[in-house]
Protein backbone atom coordinates (compact mmCIF):
# COMPACT_ATOMS: atom_id res chain seq x y z
CA VAL A 1 -52.97 22.45 36.63
CA GLN A 2 -56.35 23.66 37.89
CA LEU A 3 -57.44 27.28 38.15
CA VAL A 4 -60.54 28.33 40.09
CA GLU A 5 -61.66 31.96 39.91
CA SER A 6 -63.92 33.90 42.25
CA GLY A 7 -64.80 37.45 43.14
CA GLY A 8 -66.78 38.63 40.16
CA GLY A 9 -70.09 40.46 40.44
CA LEU A 10 -72.12 43.49 39.56
CA VAL A 11 -70.71 46.88 40.43
CA GLY A 12 -71.41 50.47 39.44
CA PRO A 13 -69.03 52.59 37.43
CA GLY A 14 -66.12 53.68 39.64
CA GLY A 15 -66.52 50.70 41.87
CA SER A 16 -64.00 48.00 42.81
CA LEU A 17 -63.74 44.25 42.77
CA ARG A 18 -60.95 41.83 43.66
CA LEU A 19 -60.76 38.64 41.68
CA SER A 20 -59.02 35.58 43.14
CA CYS A 21 -57.63 32.51 41.43
CA VAL A 22 -56.71 29.49 43.48
CA VAL A 23 -54.15 27.41 41.62
CA SER A 24 -53.44 23.73 42.13
CA GLY A 25 -50.98 21.40 40.52
CA ILE A 26 -48.09 23.89 40.21
CA PHE A 27 -46.28 26.42 42.33
CA ILE A 28 -47.34 29.82 41.09
CA ASP A 29 -43.96 31.45 41.59
CA ALA A 30 -42.43 29.15 39.01
CA TYR A 31 -44.66 30.21 36.07
CA THR A 32 -46.18 33.15 34.33
CA LEU A 33 -49.88 33.42 35.19
CA GLY A 34 -52.47 36.05 34.58
CA TRP A 35 -55.89 37.18 33.59
CA VAL A 36 -57.65 37.41 30.31
CA ARG A 37 -61.20 38.52 29.59
CA GLU A 38 -63.84 37.76 27.06
CA VAL A 39 -65.64 40.94 26.13
CA PRO A 40 -69.25 40.80 24.93
CA GLY A 41 -69.54 41.20 21.18
CA LYS A 42 -65.78 40.97 20.50
CA TRP A 43 -65.61 37.16 20.29
CA GLU A 44 -62.03 37.22 21.35
CA PHE A 45 -59.93 37.19 24.48
CA GLU A 46 -58.09 40.27 25.69
CA TYR A 47 -55.10 39.79 27.86
CA VAL A 48 -55.62 41.93 30.94
CA SER A 49 -52.55 41.35 33.11
CA PHE A 50 -49.78 38.85 33.74
CA ILE A 51 -47.26 38.29 36.47
CA ARG A 52 -44.03 36.49 35.72
CA GLU A 53 -41.70 34.36 37.73
CA ASP A 54 -39.48 37.36 38.40
CA ASP A 55 -42.46 39.35 39.73
CA SER A 56 -42.55 41.65 36.72
CA THR A 57 -46.07 42.52 35.53
CA THR A 58 -47.76 43.68 32.35
CA TYR A 59 -51.10 45.31 31.84
CA LEU A 60 -53.50 46.04 29.05
CA ASP A 61 -53.15 49.73 28.30
CA SER A 62 -56.76 50.49 29.17
CA VAL A 63 -56.43 49.08 32.68
CA LYS A 64 -53.06 50.56 33.63
CA GLY A 65 -53.29 52.58 36.84
CA ARG A 66 -56.64 50.93 37.73
CA PHE A 67 -55.86 47.19 37.99
CA THR A 68 -53.17 45.52 40.04
CA ILE A 69 -52.12 41.90 39.77
CA SER A 70 -50.49 40.16 42.72
CA ARG A 71 -49.86 36.72 44.11
CA ASP A 72 -49.69 35.02 47.47
CA THR A 73 -47.35 32.05 47.25
CA ALA A 74 -48.40 30.73 50.66
CA LYS A 75 -51.97 30.42 49.39
CA ASN A 76 -50.93 29.56 45.82
CA THR A 77 -53.35 32.23 44.70
CA ILE A 78 -53.21 35.15 42.30
CA TYR A 79 -55.34 38.24 42.56
CA LEU A 80 -56.58 41.03 40.34
CA GLN A 81 -57.55 44.17 42.20
CA MET A 82 -59.79 46.24 39.91
CA ASN A 83 -60.49 49.84 40.88
CA ASN A 84 -62.38 52.63 39.10
CA LEU A 85 -64.21 50.10 37.01
CA ARG A 86 -65.80 51.18 33.77
CA PRO A 87 -68.67 49.69 31.76
CA GLU A 88 -66.19 48.59 29.10
CA ASP A 89 -64.50 46.35 31.70
CA THR A 90 -67.59 44.13 31.63
CA GLY A 91 -66.85 40.56 30.61
CA VAL A 92 -65.94 37.13 31.78
CA TYR A 93 -62.54 37.10 33.44
CA TYR A 94 -60.43 33.96 33.24
CA CYS A 95 -57.37 33.09 35.20
CA THR A 96 -54.79 31.51 32.92
CA LYS A 97 -51.55 29.67 32.82
CA PRO A 98 -51.37 29.60 29.07
CA PRO A 99 -52.89 27.68 27.40
CA VAL A 100 -54.96 26.46 30.34
CA ARG A 101 -57.85 28.63 31.64
CA GLY A 102 -60.25 28.38 34.51
CA ARG A 103 -64.02 28.51 34.10
CA GLY A 104 -64.16 32.27 34.51
CA THR A 105 -66.00 34.73 36.66
CA GLN A 106 -68.46 37.32 35.40
CA VAL A 107 -67.76 40.99 35.96
CA THR A 108 -70.51 43.42 35.12
CA VAL A 109 -70.06 47.18 35.44
CA SER A 110 -73.33 48.99 35.10
CA SER A 111 -75.39 51.69 36.73
């Protein structure tokens, strides 16, 4: 499986970004996939959101109501819509089909 992320960038507090992850090697509707992030200074990965085969979703408490995960099976791509971004959302976001991760995309929220 290969996972290629895009869509990161620099945005001010309250702004929005949409991350994309193009998946190859598997059909995304047959597996649980999601997003994790590496937060500066924490030296660990936080799970952000996952979408399962049955379309159910989970979210990190701090992003509930602001982030939305979705998938497009025709494009074999998953998305993370991030609204009302906060400085603490800054980090490298990785698309994952555990235990495999992509190379990540940097999200920076700063004024």
